[in-house]
Protein backbone atom coordinates (compact mmCIF):
# COMPACT_ATOMS: atom_id res chain seq x y z
CA GLN A 1 0.36 -7.83 -24.94
CA VAL A 2 1.64 -6.47 -21.42
CA GLN A 3 -0.13 -6.86 -17.88
CA LEU A 4 0.35 -4.24 -15.35
CA VAL A 5 -0.64 -5.79 -11.52
CA GLU A 6 -0.23 -2.72 -8.75
CA SER A 7 -0.23 -3.33 -5.39
CA GLY A 8 0.87 -1.68 -1.76
CA GLY A 9 -1.94 1.06 -1.67
CA GLY A 10 -3.93 1.07 1.75
CA LEU A 11 -4.99 3.86 4.61
CA VAL A 12 -2.25 5.95 5.95
CA GLN A 13 -2.44 8.85 8.20
CA ALA A 14 -1.17 12.23 6.72
CA GLY A 15 2.31 12.19 7.35
CA GLY A 16 3.24 8.62 6.64
CA SER A 17 4.33 6.78 3.61
CA LEU A 18 3.13 3.78 1.37
CA ARG A 19 5.33 2.20 -1.44
CA LEU A 20 3.32 0.89 -4.49
CA ALA A 21 4.83 -1.41 -6.80
CA CYS A 22 3.99 -2.58 -10.53
CA VAL A 23 4.72 -5.98 -11.82
CA ALA A 24 4.71 -6.30 -15.64
CA SER A 25 4.66 -9.12 -17.75
CA GLY A 26 6.27 -9.54 -20.85
CA ARG A 27 9.83 -9.33 -21.72
CA THR A 28 10.27 -6.11 -23.14
CA PHE A 29 9.30 -4.16 -20.37
CA SER A 30 12.77 -2.93 -20.25
CA THR A 31 12.42 -1.04 -22.93
CA TYR A 32 9.13 0.80 -22.05
CA ALA A 33 8.53 4.12 -20.47
CA MET A 34 6.38 3.87 -17.18
CA GLY A 35 4.03 6.08 -15.71
CA TRP A 36 1.77 6.73 -12.45
CA PHE A 37 -1.31 8.39 -12.51
CA ARG A 38 -3.72 9.01 -10.37
CA GLN A 39 -7.68 9.58 -10.05
CA ALA A 40 -9.61 10.91 -6.90
CA PRO A 41 -13.63 10.59 -6.62
CA GLY A 42 -15.63 12.67 -8.77
CA LYS A 43 -11.92 14.10 -10.63
CA GLU A 44 -10.29 13.33 -13.94
CA ARG A 45 -7.21 11.09 -13.89
CA GLU A 46 -4.22 12.66 -13.51
CA PHE A 47 -0.41 12.55 -14.16
CA VAL A 48 1.54 11.73 -10.91
CA ALA A 49 5.35 10.40 -12.16
CA ALA A 50 7.16 9.06 -15.16
CA MET A 51 10.55 7.53 -15.97
CA ASP A 52 12.01 6.28 -19.22
CA TRP A 53 13.53 2.92 -19.65
CA THR A 54 17.09 4.07 -18.98
CA SER A 55 16.05 5.39 -15.68
CA ARG A 56 17.97 8.62 -16.37
CA SER A 57 14.92 10.67 -17.08
CA THR A 58 12.07 11.06 -14.52
CA ILE A 59 9.00 13.86 -14.46
CA TYR A 60 6.71 15.07 -11.70
CA ALA A 61 3.69 16.43 -11.20
CA ASP A 62 4.31 19.65 -9.04
CA SER A 63 1.90 18.42 -6.55
CA VAL A 64 4.04 15.83 -5.46
CA LYS A 65 7.44 16.83 -6.19
CA GLY A 66 9.87 16.34 -3.59
CA ARG A 67 7.48 13.70 -1.71
CA PHE A 68 7.41 11.30 -4.30
CA THR A 69 9.80 9.15 -6.23
CA ILE A 70 9.55 6.72 -9.05
CA SER A 71 11.93 4.12 -9.78
CA ARG A 72 12.36 0.69 -11.59
CA ASP A 73 14.19 -2.64 -11.39
CA ASN A 74 14.14 -4.14 -14.94
CA ALA A 75 15.62 -7.37 -13.68
CA LYS A 76 12.12 -7.41 -11.83
CA ASN A 77 10.09 -6.30 -14.29
CA THR A 78 8.84 -4.08 -11.50
CA VAL A 79 8.43 -0.46 -11.43
CA TYR A 80 7.99 1.51 -8.01
CA LEU A 81 6.53 4.51 -6.32
CA GLN A 82 8.00 5.66 -3.27
CA MET A 83 5.16 8.15 -1.57
CA ASN A 84 6.55 9.95 1.59
CA SER A 85 5.08 13.34 3.52
CA LEU A 86 1.31 12.08 2.31
CA LYS A 87 -1.57 14.62 2.25
CA PRO A 88 -5.20 13.81 2.72
CA GLU A 89 -5.24 15.45 -1.11
CA ASP A 90 -3.25 12.28 -2.32
CA THR A 91 -6.08 10.10 -1.75
CA ALA A 92 -7.02 8.26 -5.07
CA VAL A 93 -6.70 5.02 -7.06
CA TYR A 94 -3.59 4.97 -8.32
CA TYR A 95 -2.41 3.25 -11.82
CA CYS A 96 0.49 2.15 -13.02
CA ALA A 97 0.72 2.67 -16.90
CA ALA A 98 3.53 1.40 -19.61
CA LYS A 99 4.34 2.87 -23.02
CA ARG A 100 6.04 1.13 -25.89
CA THR A 101 8.08 4.24 -26.65
CA PRO A 102 10.92 4.81 -24.56
CA ILE A 103 10.00 8.59 -24.17
CA ILE A 104 7.67 9.75 -21.34
CA THR A 105 4.92 11.70 -20.80
CA THR A 106 2.67 13.65 -18.62
CA MET A 107 -0.43 12.82 -20.91
CA PRO A 108 -2.50 9.61 -20.25
CA THR A 109 -1.71 8.40 -23.83
CA TYR A 110 0.02 5.11 -22.37
CA ASP A 111 -0.40 1.90 -24.10
CA TYR A 112 -1.44 -0.40 -21.22
CA TRP A 113 -2.62 0.30 -17.82
CA GLY A 114 -3.22 -1.68 -14.67
CA GLN A 115 -6.40 -1.81 -12.48
CA GLY A 116 -5.24 0.48 -9.90
CA THR A 117 -4.52 0.45 -6.11
CA GLN A 118 -6.56 2.71 -3.40
CA VAL A 119 -4.69 4.93 -1.25
CA THR A 120 -6.32 6.89 1.60
CA VAL A 121 -4.78 9.19 3.80
CA SER A 122 -6.57 10.11 6.80
CA SER A 123 -6.26 13.73 8.28
């Protein structure tokens, strides 16, 4: 069993930045594909970014491409989401997810999920 704990959310003005972190328990973190999703009030959960276990392959949602960067530190069992040039439409609960297979996907078919961290962007 893998537990994921997100942190780093908060309130920021439009144009600002936040860095989310997700710490994973378990000794096999380095072999997992990792992803970030978000869910705004009244909307379905949507894909944000993902990275494979080698850190060589990443994918981003079109809405965040060029503004958000996913990275991971396997020595710290941590995956990050650097969010720059934030917009009010980025307001959502952000979830970290882990997938046992190394192949990344934009689909919410990940095996483990964190509890989420709130990001609010004011205009």
